[in-house]
Amino acid sequence: MSTRIEYDWEWHEARLRAAKSYWVVTTRADGRPHTAPVWGVWLDGGLWFSTAADAVKARNLARDPRLIVHLDSADDLLLVEGQAEPVTDADRLAAADAAYAAKYRMTDGTPVGLTVVPGSVIFRVRPQTGMTWLEPAFVQTMTRWRFGAAGAAPTSEVMTYG
């Protein structure tokens, strides 16, 4: 019998805040998946990212806002499923843009904002569920996270093969 290894959501959330790139998976109109890396910021319990209004992911999200976001590592998996909502509120956008500009720089050191591309759509991902595990201790660490009210820490459930 394996001993369960517990680790809390704050540990995963710190990884989401620190990540440079995030993989975003959406669904095309014909049902095929589409995945693309984006820069973004984890702020107020959700991922904020921008994309051109005519980009495949923007068109997919306009039709079906469900998506999956995950970090690069499959050995230290962190995956979040949720809904993307376009954000137009000026105050919310200003806070997210400031966080983005503090995180990303062009090669010449110039800060990059969420609206670096004119006509971009800014999305905020509202998480619904998540999955995490450490591959070397997969059975002892696989956890499903369920998100409730905005700002509240998600609850954890032990995942099994059964």
N, C-alpha and C. Protein backbone atom coordinates (compact mmCIF):
# COMPACT_ATOMS: atom_id res chain seq x y z
N MET A 1 0.84 -1.18 0.00
CA MET A 1 0.00 0.00 0.00
C MET A 1 0.89 1.24 0.00
N SER A 2 0.58 2.17 -0.88
CA SER A 2 1.36 3.41 -0.99
C SER A 2 0.88 4.43 0.01
N THR A 3 1.79 5.25 0.48
CA THR A 3 1.46 6.34 1.38
C THR A 3 1.14 7.57 0.54
N ARG A 4 0.04 8.19 0.84
CA ARG A 4 -0.39 9.39 0.12
C ARG A 4 0.54 10.56 0.43
N ILE A 5 0.95 11.29 -0.60
CA ILE A 5 1.76 12.49 -0.43
C ILE A 5 0.85 13.68 -0.69
N GLU A 6 0.69 14.52 0.29
CA GLU A 6 -0.20 15.68 0.16
C GLU A 6 0.61 16.93 -0.16
N TYR A 7 0.08 17.72 -1.04
CA TYR A 7 0.64 19.05 -1.27
C TYR A 7 -0.52 19.97 -1.59
N ASP A 8 -0.44 21.20 -1.09
CA ASP A 8 -1.61 22.07 -1.13
C ASP A 8 -1.67 22.90 -2.42
N TRP A 9 -2.83 23.52 -2.63
CA TRP A 9 -3.05 24.29 -3.84
C TRP A 9 -2.10 25.49 -3.94
N GLU A 10 -1.74 26.09 -2.82
CA GLU A 10 -0.86 27.25 -2.85
C GLU A 10 0.46 26.93 -3.55
N TRP A 11 0.95 25.71 -3.37
CA TRP A 11 2.18 25.28 -4.02
C TRP A 11 2.00 25.29 -5.54
N HIS A 12 0.87 24.78 -6.02
CA HIS A 12 0.58 24.76 -7.46
C HIS A 12 0.32 26.17 -7.99
N GLU A 13 -0.39 26.96 -7.21
CA GLU A 13 -0.69 28.32 -7.65
C GLU A 13 0.59 29.14 -7.79
N ALA A 14 1.57 28.91 -6.94
CA ALA A 14 2.86 29.60 -7.07
C ALA A 14 3.52 29.23 -8.40
N ARG A 15 3.39 27.98 -8.82
CA ARG A 15 3.94 27.55 -10.11
C ARG A 15 3.20 28.23 -11.27
N LEU A 16 1.88 28.38 -11.13
CA LEU A 16 1.11 29.06 -12.16
C LEU A 16 1.51 30.53 -12.28
N ARG A 17 1.76 31.17 -11.14
CA ARG A 17 2.18 32.58 -11.17
C ARG A 17 3.58 32.72 -11.79
N ALA A 18 4.47 31.77 -11.52
CA ALA A 18 5.86 31.87 -11.98
C ALA A 18 6.07 31.43 -13.43
N ALA A 19 5.16 30.67 -13.98
CA ALA A 19 5.34 30.13 -15.33
C ALA A 19 5.49 31.24 -16.36
N LYS A 20 6.35 31.02 -17.34
CA LYS A 20 6.49 31.98 -18.43
C LYS A 20 5.45 31.69 -19.52
N SER A 21 5.29 30.43 -19.86
CA SER A 21 4.37 30.05 -20.93
C SER A 21 3.32 29.07 -20.41
N TYR A 22 2.18 29.10 -21.05
CA TYR A 22 1.05 28.24 -20.70
C TYR A 22 0.53 27.64 -22.02
N TRP A 23 0.20 26.37 -22.00
CA TRP A 23 -0.41 25.74 -23.17
C TRP A 23 -1.92 25.85 -23.03
N VAL A 24 -2.57 26.36 -24.07
CA VAL A 24 -4.01 26.54 -24.08
C VAL A 24 -4.59 25.60 -25.13
N VAL A 25 -5.55 24.78 -24.73
CA VAL A 25 -6.18 23.82 -25.63
C VAL A 25 -7.64 24.20 -25.79
N THR A 26 -8.06 24.43 -27.04
CA THR A 26 -9.43 24.77 -27.37
C THR A 26 -9.95 23.74 -28.38
N THR A 27 -11.21 23.89 -28.75
CA THR A 27 -11.82 22.95 -29.70
C THR A 27 -12.30 23.69 -30.93
N ARG A 28 -11.91 23.17 -32.10
CA ARG A 28 -12.35 23.74 -33.37
C ARG A 28 -13.82 23.39 -33.62
N ALA A 29 -14.44 24.07 -34.56
CA ALA A 29 -15.86 23.85 -34.88
C ALA A 29 -16.14 22.40 -35.28
N ASP A 30 -15.17 21.74 -35.91
CA ASP A 30 -15.38 20.35 -36.33
C ASP A 30 -15.00 19.34 -35.24
N GLY A 31 -14.66 19.83 -34.04
CA GLY A 31 -14.35 18.95 -32.92
C GLY A 31 -12.87 18.65 -32.73
N ARG A 32 -12.03 19.02 -33.69
CA ARG A 32 -10.60 18.77 -33.54
C ARG A 32 -10.01 19.69 -32.48
N PRO A 33 -9.06 19.19 -31.69
CA PRO A 33 -8.41 20.06 -30.70
C PRO A 33 -7.44 21.02 -31.37
N HIS A 34 -7.23 22.14 -30.71
CA HIS A 34 -6.22 23.11 -31.14
C HIS A 34 -5.45 23.50 -29.89
N THR A 35 -4.13 23.45 -29.96
CA THR A 35 -3.31 23.83 -28.82
C THR A 35 -2.28 24.86 -29.26
N ALA A 36 -2.02 25.80 -28.36
CA ALA A 36 -1.05 26.84 -28.66
C ALA A 36 -0.47 27.37 -27.35
N PRO A 37 0.81 27.71 -27.34
CA PRO A 37 1.39 28.33 -26.14
C PRO A 37 1.04 29.82 -26.11
N VAL A 38 0.85 30.33 -24.90
CA VAL A 38 0.60 31.75 -24.72
C VAL A 38 1.41 32.24 -23.53
N TRP A 39 1.70 33.52 -23.51
CA TRP A 39 2.19 34.17 -22.31
C TRP A 39 0.96 34.61 -21.54
N GLY A 40 1.06 34.67 -20.23
CA GLY A 40 -0.08 35.12 -19.45
C GLY A 40 0.32 35.36 -18.00
N VAL A 41 -0.66 35.79 -17.23
CA VAL A 41 -0.46 36.00 -15.80
C VAL A 41 -1.57 35.29 -15.03
N TRP A 42 -1.17 34.63 -13.95
CA TRP A 42 -2.14 34.03 -13.05
C TRP A 42 -2.44 35.09 -12.00
N LEU A 43 -3.66 35.59 -12.02
CA LEU A 43 -4.04 36.73 -11.19
C LEU A 43 -5.47 36.51 -10.71
N ASP A 44 -5.71 36.75 -9.43
CA ASP A 44 -7.06 36.60 -8.86
C ASP A 44 -7.66 35.23 -9.16
N GLY A 45 -6.84 34.19 -9.06
CA GLY A 45 -7.33 32.82 -9.22
C GLY A 45 -7.66 32.40 -10.63
N GLY A 46 -7.11 33.09 -11.63
CA GLY A 46 -7.36 32.70 -13.02
C GLY A 46 -6.24 33.16 -13.92
N LEU A 47 -6.16 32.55 -15.10
CA LEU A 47 -5.14 32.92 -16.08
C LEU A 47 -5.68 34.01 -16.99
N TRP A 48 -4.89 35.05 -17.18
CA TRP A 48 -5.19 36.14 -18.10
C TRP A 48 -4.23 36.04 -19.27
N PHE A 49 -4.74 36.08 -20.49
CA PHE A 49 -3.89 36.06 -21.67
C PHE A 49 -4.59 36.82 -22.79
N SER A 50 -3.82 37.20 -23.79
CA SER A 50 -4.39 37.90 -24.94
C SER A 50 -4.04 37.15 -26.21
N THR A 51 -4.83 37.41 -27.23
CA THR A 51 -4.58 36.84 -28.54
C THR A 51 -5.25 37.72 -29.58
N ALA A 52 -4.79 37.65 -30.79
CA ALA A 52 -5.41 38.41 -31.87
C ALA A 52 -6.86 37.95 -32.03
N ALA A 53 -7.74 38.88 -32.32
CA ALA A 53 -9.17 38.57 -32.44
C ALA A 53 -9.45 37.54 -33.53
N ASP A 54 -8.59 37.47 -34.55
CA ASP A 54 -8.83 36.51 -35.63
C ASP A 54 -8.00 35.22 -35.47
N ALA A 55 -7.31 35.06 -34.35
CA ALA A 55 -6.52 33.84 -34.11
C ALA A 55 -7.45 32.65 -33.94
N VAL A 56 -6.95 31.46 -34.25
CA VAL A 56 -7.76 30.24 -34.13
C VAL A 56 -8.32 30.10 -32.71
N LYS A 57 -7.47 30.31 -31.68
CA LYS A 57 -7.97 30.14 -30.31
C LYS A 57 -9.05 31.14 -29.97
N ALA A 58 -8.96 32.37 -30.46
CA ALA A 58 -10.00 33.37 -30.20
C ALA A 58 -11.30 32.97 -30.88
N ARG A 59 -11.22 32.52 -32.12
CA ARG A 59 -12.44 32.07 -32.82
C ARG A 59 -13.05 30.86 -32.13
N ASN A 60 -12.18 29.93 -31.69
CA ASN A 60 -12.70 28.75 -30.98
C ASN A 60 -13.39 29.14 -29.68
N LEU A 61 -12.77 30.05 -28.92
CA LEU A 61 -13.33 30.45 -27.63
C LEU A 61 -14.60 31.28 -27.79
N ALA A 62 -14.72 32.02 -28.87
CA ALA A 62 -15.95 32.77 -29.11
C ALA A 62 -17.12 31.82 -29.33
N ARG A 63 -16.85 30.67 -29.92
CA ARG A 63 -17.88 29.66 -30.19
C ARG A 63 -18.12 28.75 -28.99
N ASP A 64 -17.03 28.38 -28.30
CA ASP A 64 -17.10 27.45 -27.17
C ASP A 64 -16.04 27.88 -26.16
N PRO A 65 -16.43 28.49 -25.04
CA PRO A 65 -15.45 29.05 -24.11
C PRO A 65 -14.70 28.02 -23.25
N ARG A 66 -15.03 26.75 -23.38
CA ARG A 66 -14.33 25.73 -22.58
C ARG A 66 -12.91 25.53 -23.11
N LEU A 67 -11.97 25.34 -22.17
CA LEU A 67 -10.58 25.15 -22.57
C LEU A 67 -9.83 24.42 -21.46
N ILE A 68 -8.63 24.01 -21.81
CA ILE A 68 -7.69 23.42 -20.85
C ILE A 68 -6.42 24.24 -20.92
N VAL A 69 -5.84 24.50 -19.76
CA VAL A 69 -4.56 25.20 -19.66
C VAL A 69 -3.62 24.27 -18.90
N HIS A 70 -2.40 24.10 -19.40
CA HIS A 70 -1.43 23.32 -18.64
C HIS A 70 -0.03 23.89 -18.81
N LEU A 71 0.81 23.55 -17.83
CA LEU A 71 2.20 23.96 -17.87
C LEU A 71 3.00 22.93 -18.66
N ASP A 72 4.28 23.23 -18.91
CA ASP A 72 5.12 22.40 -19.77
C ASP A 72 5.38 20.99 -19.26
N SER A 73 5.57 20.82 -17.98
CA SER A 73 6.06 19.55 -17.46
C SER A 73 4.98 18.48 -17.34
N ALA A 74 5.28 17.31 -17.87
CA ALA A 74 4.42 16.14 -17.66
C ALA A 74 4.89 15.35 -16.44
N ASP A 75 6.11 15.64 -15.97
CA ASP A 75 6.63 14.97 -14.77
C ASP A 75 6.11 15.62 -13.50
N ASP A 76 5.72 16.87 -13.60
CA ASP A 76 5.15 17.61 -12.47
C ASP A 76 3.90 18.29 -13.03
N LEU A 77 2.90 17.46 -13.31
CA LEU A 77 1.73 17.91 -14.06
C LEU A 77 0.88 18.91 -13.30
N LEU A 78 0.47 19.94 -14.00
CA LEU A 78 -0.50 20.90 -13.49
C LEU A 78 -1.39 21.28 -14.67
N LEU A 79 -2.65 20.88 -14.60
CA LEU A 79 -3.60 21.08 -15.69
C LEU A 79 -4.86 21.68 -15.10
N VAL A 80 -5.41 22.70 -15.74
CA VAL A 80 -6.63 23.37 -15.27
C VAL A 80 -7.64 23.38 -16.40
N GLU A 81 -8.86 22.94 -16.12
CA GLU A 81 -9.97 23.02 -17.08
C GLU A 81 -10.89 24.14 -16.63
N GLY A 82 -11.41 24.88 -17.59
CA GLY A 82 -12.31 25.97 -17.20
C GLY A 82 -12.97 26.61 -18.39
N GLN A 83 -13.39 27.85 -18.17
CA GLN A 83 -14.07 28.64 -19.20
C GLN A 83 -13.33 29.96 -19.35
N ALA A 84 -13.16 30.38 -20.59
CA ALA A 84 -12.51 31.66 -20.87
C ALA A 84 -13.59 32.70 -21.12
N GLU A 85 -13.42 33.82 -20.47
CA GLU A 85 -14.36 34.92 -20.68
C GLU A 85 -13.59 36.14 -21.16
N PRO A 86 -14.06 36.78 -22.24
CA PRO A 86 -13.40 38.01 -22.67
C PRO A 86 -13.61 39.10 -21.62
N VAL A 87 -12.58 39.90 -21.39
CA VAL A 87 -12.66 40.95 -20.38
C VAL A 87 -12.58 42.31 -21.08
N THR A 88 -13.51 43.18 -20.73
CA THR A 88 -13.52 44.52 -21.31
C THR A 88 -13.54 45.60 -20.24
N ASP A 89 -13.74 45.24 -18.97
CA ASP A 89 -13.78 46.21 -17.88
C ASP A 89 -12.40 46.87 -17.74
N ALA A 90 -12.37 48.19 -17.85
CA ALA A 90 -11.10 48.94 -17.86
C ALA A 90 -10.27 48.74 -16.59
N ASP A 91 -10.92 48.72 -15.41
CA ASP A 91 -10.17 48.56 -14.16
C ASP A 91 -9.54 47.18 -14.07
N ARG A 92 -10.30 46.15 -14.42
CA ARG A 92 -9.77 44.78 -14.38
C ARG A 92 -8.63 44.62 -15.40
N LEU A 93 -8.81 45.21 -16.57
CA LEU A 93 -7.77 45.13 -17.60
C LEU A 93 -6.50 45.85 -17.18
N ALA A 94 -6.64 46.99 -16.53
CA ALA A 94 -5.46 47.75 -16.09
C ALA A 94 -4.63 46.94 -15.10
N ALA A 95 -5.29 46.28 -14.15
CA ALA A 95 -4.57 45.47 -13.16
C ALA A 95 -3.86 44.30 -13.83
N ALA A 96 -4.54 43.62 -14.74
CA ALA A 96 -3.94 42.48 -15.43
C ALA A 96 -2.80 42.94 -16.34
N ASP A 97 -2.99 44.07 -17.02
CA ASP A 97 -1.96 44.59 -17.91
C ASP A 97 -0.71 44.98 -17.13
N ALA A 98 -0.89 45.57 -15.95
CA ALA A 98 0.26 45.94 -15.12
C ALA A 98 1.03 44.69 -14.67
N ALA A 99 0.32 43.65 -14.28
CA ALA A 99 0.97 42.40 -13.87
C ALA A 99 1.72 41.78 -15.04
N TYR A 100 1.12 41.82 -16.21
CA TYR A 100 1.74 41.27 -17.43
C TYR A 100 3.01 42.05 -17.78
N ALA A 101 2.92 43.38 -17.74
CA ALA A 101 4.08 44.22 -18.07
C ALA A 101 5.21 44.05 -17.06
N ALA A 102 4.88 43.73 -15.80
CA ALA A 102 5.91 43.48 -14.79
C ALA A 102 6.60 42.13 -15.03
N LYS A 103 5.92 41.23 -15.70
CA LYS A 103 6.44 39.88 -15.90
C LYS A 103 7.23 39.71 -17.21
N TYR A 104 6.81 40.37 -18.27
CA TYR A 104 7.39 40.13 -19.60
C TYR A 104 8.10 41.37 -20.13
N ARG A 105 9.22 41.12 -20.80
CA ARG A 105 10.01 42.19 -21.42
C ARG A 105 10.42 41.75 -22.83
N MET A 106 10.53 42.73 -23.69
CA MET A 106 11.08 42.48 -25.02
C MET A 106 12.60 42.34 -24.85
N THR A 107 13.29 41.94 -25.90
CA THR A 107 14.75 41.76 -25.79
C THR A 107 15.47 43.06 -25.45
N ASP A 108 14.88 44.20 -25.79
CA ASP A 108 15.51 45.48 -25.45
C ASP A 108 15.13 45.97 -24.04
N GLY A 109 14.37 45.17 -23.30
CA GLY A 109 13.98 45.53 -21.94
C GLY A 109 12.65 46.25 -21.82
N THR A 110 12.02 46.56 -22.95
CA THR A 110 10.73 47.24 -22.93
C THR A 110 9.66 46.31 -22.37
N PRO A 111 8.85 46.78 -21.41
CA PRO A 111 7.76 45.95 -20.88
C PRO A 111 6.74 45.62 -21.98
N VAL A 112 6.18 44.44 -21.89
CA VAL A 112 5.15 43.99 -22.83
C VAL A 112 3.83 43.93 -22.08
N GLY A 113 2.81 44.58 -22.64
CA GLY A 113 1.48 44.55 -22.03
C GLY A 113 0.58 43.55 -22.72
N LEU A 114 -0.55 43.26 -22.09
CA LEU A 114 -1.54 42.36 -22.67
C LEU A 114 -2.04 42.85 -24.02
N THR A 115 -2.05 44.15 -24.20
CA THR A 115 -2.60 44.73 -25.43
C THR A 115 -1.51 45.13 -26.41
N VAL A 116 -0.39 44.40 -26.40
CA VAL A 116 0.74 44.72 -27.28
C VAL A 116 0.32 44.65 -28.75
N VAL A 117 -0.60 43.75 -29.09
CA VAL A 117 -1.10 43.64 -30.46
C VAL A 117 -2.43 44.39 -30.53
N PRO A 118 -2.51 45.44 -31.34
CA PRO A 118 -3.77 46.19 -31.46
C PRO A 118 -4.92 45.26 -31.86
N GLY A 119 -6.07 45.45 -31.24
CA GLY A 119 -7.23 44.62 -31.56
C GLY A 119 -7.23 43.27 -30.88
N SER A 120 -6.34 43.07 -29.91
CA SER A 120 -6.30 41.80 -29.18
C SER A 120 -7.55 41.62 -28.34
N VAL A 121 -7.87 40.37 -28.11
CA VAL A 121 -8.93 40.01 -27.18
C VAL A 121 -8.22 39.54 -25.91
N ILE A 122 -8.65 40.04 -24.76
CA ILE A 122 -8.07 39.63 -23.48
C ILE A 122 -9.06 38.67 -22.83
N PHE A 123 -8.55 37.50 -22.46
CA PHE A 123 -9.37 36.48 -21.82
C PHE A 123 -8.92 36.27 -20.39
N ARG A 124 -9.87 35.94 -19.54
CA ARG A 124 -9.58 35.46 -18.19
C ARG A 124 -10.18 34.06 -18.11
N VAL A 125 -9.37 33.10 -17.70
CA VAL A 125 -9.83 31.73 -17.54
C VAL A 125 -10.37 31.56 -16.13
N ARG A 126 -11.62 31.14 -16.05
CA ARG A 126 -12.25 30.82 -14.76
C ARG A 126 -12.13 29.31 -14.56
N PRO A 127 -11.23 28.88 -13.67
CA PRO A 127 -11.01 27.44 -13.48
C PRO A 127 -12.23 26.74 -12.89
N GLN A 128 -12.45 25.50 -13.32
CA GLN A 128 -13.51 24.67 -12.77
C GLN A 128 -12.94 23.42 -12.10
N THR A 129 -12.02 22.76 -12.78
CA THR A 129 -11.33 21.60 -12.19
C THR A 129 -9.86 21.67 -12.56
N GLY A 130 -9.05 20.93 -11.82
CA GLY A 130 -7.64 20.83 -12.12
C GLY A 130 -7.14 19.43 -11.79
N MET A 131 -6.01 19.08 -12.34
CA MET A 131 -5.37 17.81 -12.02
C MET A 131 -3.89 18.06 -11.81
N THR A 132 -3.33 17.43 -10.80
CA THR A 132 -1.91 17.54 -10.53
C THR A 132 -1.36 16.17 -10.14
N TRP A 133 -0.08 15.96 -10.45
CA TRP A 133 0.64 14.80 -9.95
C TRP A 133 2.12 14.97 -10.20
N LEU A 134 2.88 14.27 -9.40
CA LEU A 134 4.33 14.17 -9.59
C LEU A 134 4.58 12.80 -10.19
N GLU A 135 5.12 12.74 -11.38
CA GLU A 135 5.26 11.47 -12.10
C GLU A 135 6.03 10.40 -11.30
N PRO A 136 7.16 10.72 -10.65
CA PRO A 136 7.87 9.67 -9.91
C PRO A 136 7.06 9.10 -8.73
N ALA A 137 6.02 9.83 -8.30
CA ALA A 137 5.16 9.37 -7.21
C ALA A 137 3.70 9.52 -7.64
N PHE A 138 3.42 9.10 -8.87
CA PHE A 138 2.11 9.30 -9.49
C PHE A 138 0.95 8.83 -8.61
N VAL A 139 0.99 7.58 -8.20
CA VAL A 139 -0.12 7.00 -7.43
C VAL A 139 -0.31 7.72 -6.10
N GLN A 140 0.77 8.18 -5.50
CA GLN A 140 0.68 8.84 -4.20
C GLN A 140 0.29 10.32 -4.30
N THR A 141 0.35 10.91 -5.50
CA THR A 141 0.13 12.36 -5.61
C THR A 141 -1.00 12.77 -6.53
N MET A 142 -1.56 11.86 -7.32
CA MET A 142 -2.59 12.30 -8.27
C MET A 142 -3.79 12.87 -7.52
N THR A 143 -4.11 14.12 -7.88
CA THR A 143 -5.13 14.87 -7.17
C THR A 143 -6.00 15.61 -8.18
N ARG A 144 -7.31 15.59 -7.94
CA ARG A 144 -8.25 16.42 -8.71
C ARG A 144 -8.63 17.59 -7.82
N TRP A 145 -8.67 18.77 -8.39
CA TRP A 145 -9.03 19.98 -7.67
C TRP A 145 -10.35 20.49 -8.22
N ARG A 146 -11.27 20.85 -7.34
CA ARG A 146 -12.57 21.41 -7.74
C ARG A 146 -12.65 22.85 -7.25
N PHE A 147 -12.88 23.75 -8.20
CA PHE A 147 -12.96 25.17 -7.89
C PHE A 147 -14.42 25.55 -7.66
N GLY A 148 -14.63 26.40 -6.66
CA GLY A 148 -15.97 26.88 -6.35
C GLY A 148 -16.05 28.37 -6.61
N ALA A 149 -16.40 29.10 -5.58
CA ALA A 149 -16.55 30.55 -5.68
C ALA A 149 -15.22 31.20 -6.04
N ALA A 150 -15.33 32.28 -6.80
CA ALA A 150 -14.13 33.03 -7.20
C ALA A 150 -13.36 33.47 -5.97
N GLY A 151 -12.04 33.25 -6.01
CA GLY A 151 -11.18 33.65 -4.92
C GLY A 151 -11.01 32.61 -3.84
N ALA A 152 -11.90 31.61 -3.79
CA ALA A 152 -11.79 30.56 -2.78
C ALA A 152 -10.80 29.49 -3.25
N ALA A 153 -10.06 28.93 -2.32
CA ALA A 153 -9.14 27.84 -2.66
C ALA A 153 -9.95 26.63 -3.11
N PRO A 154 -9.48 25.91 -4.10
CA PRO A 154 -10.21 24.73 -4.53
C PRO A 154 -10.11 23.60 -3.51
N THR A 155 -11.05 22.68 -3.59
CA THR A 155 -11.01 21.51 -2.72
C THR A 155 -10.30 20.38 -3.48
N SER A 156 -9.64 19.51 -2.76
CA SER A 156 -8.89 18.43 -3.39
C SER A 156 -9.60 17.09 -3.20
N GLU A 157 -9.43 16.22 -4.19
CA GLU A 157 -9.94 14.85 -4.15
C GLU A 157 -8.82 13.93 -4.58
N VAL A 158 -8.68 12.82 -3.92
CA VAL A 158 -7.70 11.82 -4.32
C VAL A 158 -8.20 11.16 -5.60
N MET A 159 -7.36 11.08 -6.60
CA MET A 159 -7.70 10.39 -7.84
C MET A 159 -7.18 8.96 -7.75
N THR A 160 -7.91 8.03 -8.35
CA THR A 160 -7.49 6.64 -8.39
C THR A 160 -7.72 6.08 -9.79
N TYR A 161 -7.22 4.90 -10.01
CA TYR A 161 -7.44 4.22 -11.29
C TYR A 161 -8.79 3.51 -11.33
N GLY A 162 -9.45 3.39 -10.16
CA GLY A 162 -10.67 2.60 -10.05
C GLY A 162 -11.91 3.22 -10.56
